[in-house]
C-alpha atoms as a PDB file:
ATOM      1  CA  MET A   1      -3.639   3.238  16.909  1.00  0.00           C
ATOM      2  CA  THR A   2      -6.024   6.165  16.723  1.00  0.00           C
ATOM      3  CA  ASP A   3      -8.509   6.746  13.929  1.00  0.00           C
ATOM      4  CA  ILE A   4      -6.448   9.656  12.616  1.00  0.00           C
ATOM      5  CA  GLN A   5      -3.324   7.481  12.439  1.00  0.00           C
ATOM      6  CA  LYS A   6      -5.267   4.773  10.623  1.00  0.00           C
ATOM      7  CA  ASP A   7      -6.645   7.313   8.146  1.00  0.00           C
ATOM      8  CA  ILE A   8      -3.180   8.701   7.462  1.00  0.00           C
ATOM      9  CA  LYS A   9      -1.714   5.219   7.030  1.00  0.00           C
ATOM     10  CA  ASN A  10      -4.572   4.220   4.713  1.00  0.00           C
ATOM     11  CA  ALA A  11      -4.118   7.352   2.610  1.00  0.00           C
ATOM     12  CA  GLY A  12      -0.409   6.635   2.307  1.00  0.00           C
ATOM     13  CA  GLN A  13      -1.112   3.065   1.254  1.00  0.00           C
ATOM     14  CA  SER A  14      -3.579   4.287  -1.374  1.00  0.00           C
ATOM     15  CA  LEU A  15      -1.067   6.759  -2.790  1.00  0.00           C
ATOM     16  CA  GLU A  16       1.641   4.109  -2.893  1.00  0.00           C
ATOM     17  CA  ALA A  17      -0.687   1.689  -4.705  1.00  0.00           C
ATOM     18  CA  LYS A  18      -1.746   4.359  -7.213  1.00  0.00           C
ATOM     19  CA  ALA A  19       1.884   5.243  -7.901  1.00  0.00           C
ATOM     20  CA  GLN A  20       2.806   1.595  -8.455  1.00  0.00           C
ATOM     21  CA  THR A  21      -0.172   1.098 -10.765  1.00  0.00           C
ATOM     22  CA  ALA A  22       0.733   4.190 -12.791  1.00  0.00           C
ATOM     23  CA  LYS A  23       4.345   3.019 -13.025  1.00  0.00           C
ATOM     24  CA  ASP A  24       3.266  -0.442 -14.179  1.00  0.00           C
ATOM     25  CA  HIS A  25       0.929   1.017 -16.808  1.00  0.00           C
ATOM     26  CA  ALA A  26       3.665   3.359 -18.050  1.00  0.00           C
ATOM     27  CA  GLU A  27       5.924   0.331 -18.496  1.00  0.00           C
ATOM     28  CA  GLY A  28       3.167  -1.469 -20.412  1.00  0.00           C
ATOM     29  CA  LYS A  29       2.555  -4.015 -17.664  1.00  0.00           C
ATOM     30  CA  PRO A  30      -0.940  -5.070 -16.628  1.00  0.00           C
ATOM     31  CA  SER A  31      -1.664  -3.845 -13.136  1.00  0.00           C
ATOM     32  CA  SER A  32      -4.480  -3.585 -10.637  1.00  0.00           C
ATOM     33  CA  GLU A  33      -4.695  -0.814  -8.072  1.00  0.00           C
ATOM     34  CA  THR A  34      -6.722  -3.080  -5.784  1.00  0.00           C
ATOM     35  CA  LEU A  35      -4.051  -5.789  -5.933  1.00  0.00           C
ATOM     36  CA  ASN A  36      -1.271  -3.265  -5.420  1.00  0.00           C
ATOM     37  CA  LYS A  37      -3.049  -1.847  -2.360  1.00  0.00           C
ATOM     38  CA  ALA A  38      -3.420  -5.358  -0.930  1.00  0.00           C
ATOM     39  CA  LYS A  39       0.306  -5.935  -1.429  1.00  0.00           C
ATOM     40  CA  VAL A  40       1.127  -2.659   0.334  1.00  0.00           C
ATOM     41  CA  LYS A  41      -1.182  -3.536   3.247  1.00  0.00           C
ATOM     42  CA  VAL A  42       0.445  -6.962   3.641  1.00  0.00           C
ATOM     43  CA  ASP A  43       3.933  -5.441   3.515  1.00  0.00           C
ATOM     44  CA  ASP A  44       2.967  -2.898   6.174  1.00  0.00           C
ATOM     45  CA  ALA A  45       1.426  -5.609   8.367  1.00  0.00           C
ATOM     46  CA  VAL A  46       4.592  -7.707   8.148  1.00  0.00           C
ATOM     47  CA  LYS A  47       6.742  -4.680   9.023  1.00  0.00           C
ATOM     48  CA  ASP A  48       4.487  -3.862  11.992  1.00  0.00           C
ATOM     49  CA  LEU A  49       4.636  -7.467  13.191  1.00  0.00           C
ATOM     50  CA  LYS A  50       8.427  -7.579  12.951  1.00  0.00           C
ATOM     51  CA  LYS A  51       8.633  -4.274  14.816  1.00  0.00           C
ATOM     52  CA  ASP A  52       6.466  -5.646  17.628  1.00  0.00           C
ATOM     53  CA  LEU A  53       8.586  -8.785  18.059  1.00  0.00           C
END
């Protein structure tokens, strides 16, 4: 994967984590953007692994 692809993927993960955090806060739930980003990264890694198998 090239650096540009990694940057784009990382930006997408950040936006997804921010959106989830905002949604959680709007619903009155405690939320952490850092934790949400980690969850997104793990989900993406699992999807990539399944795709490679």
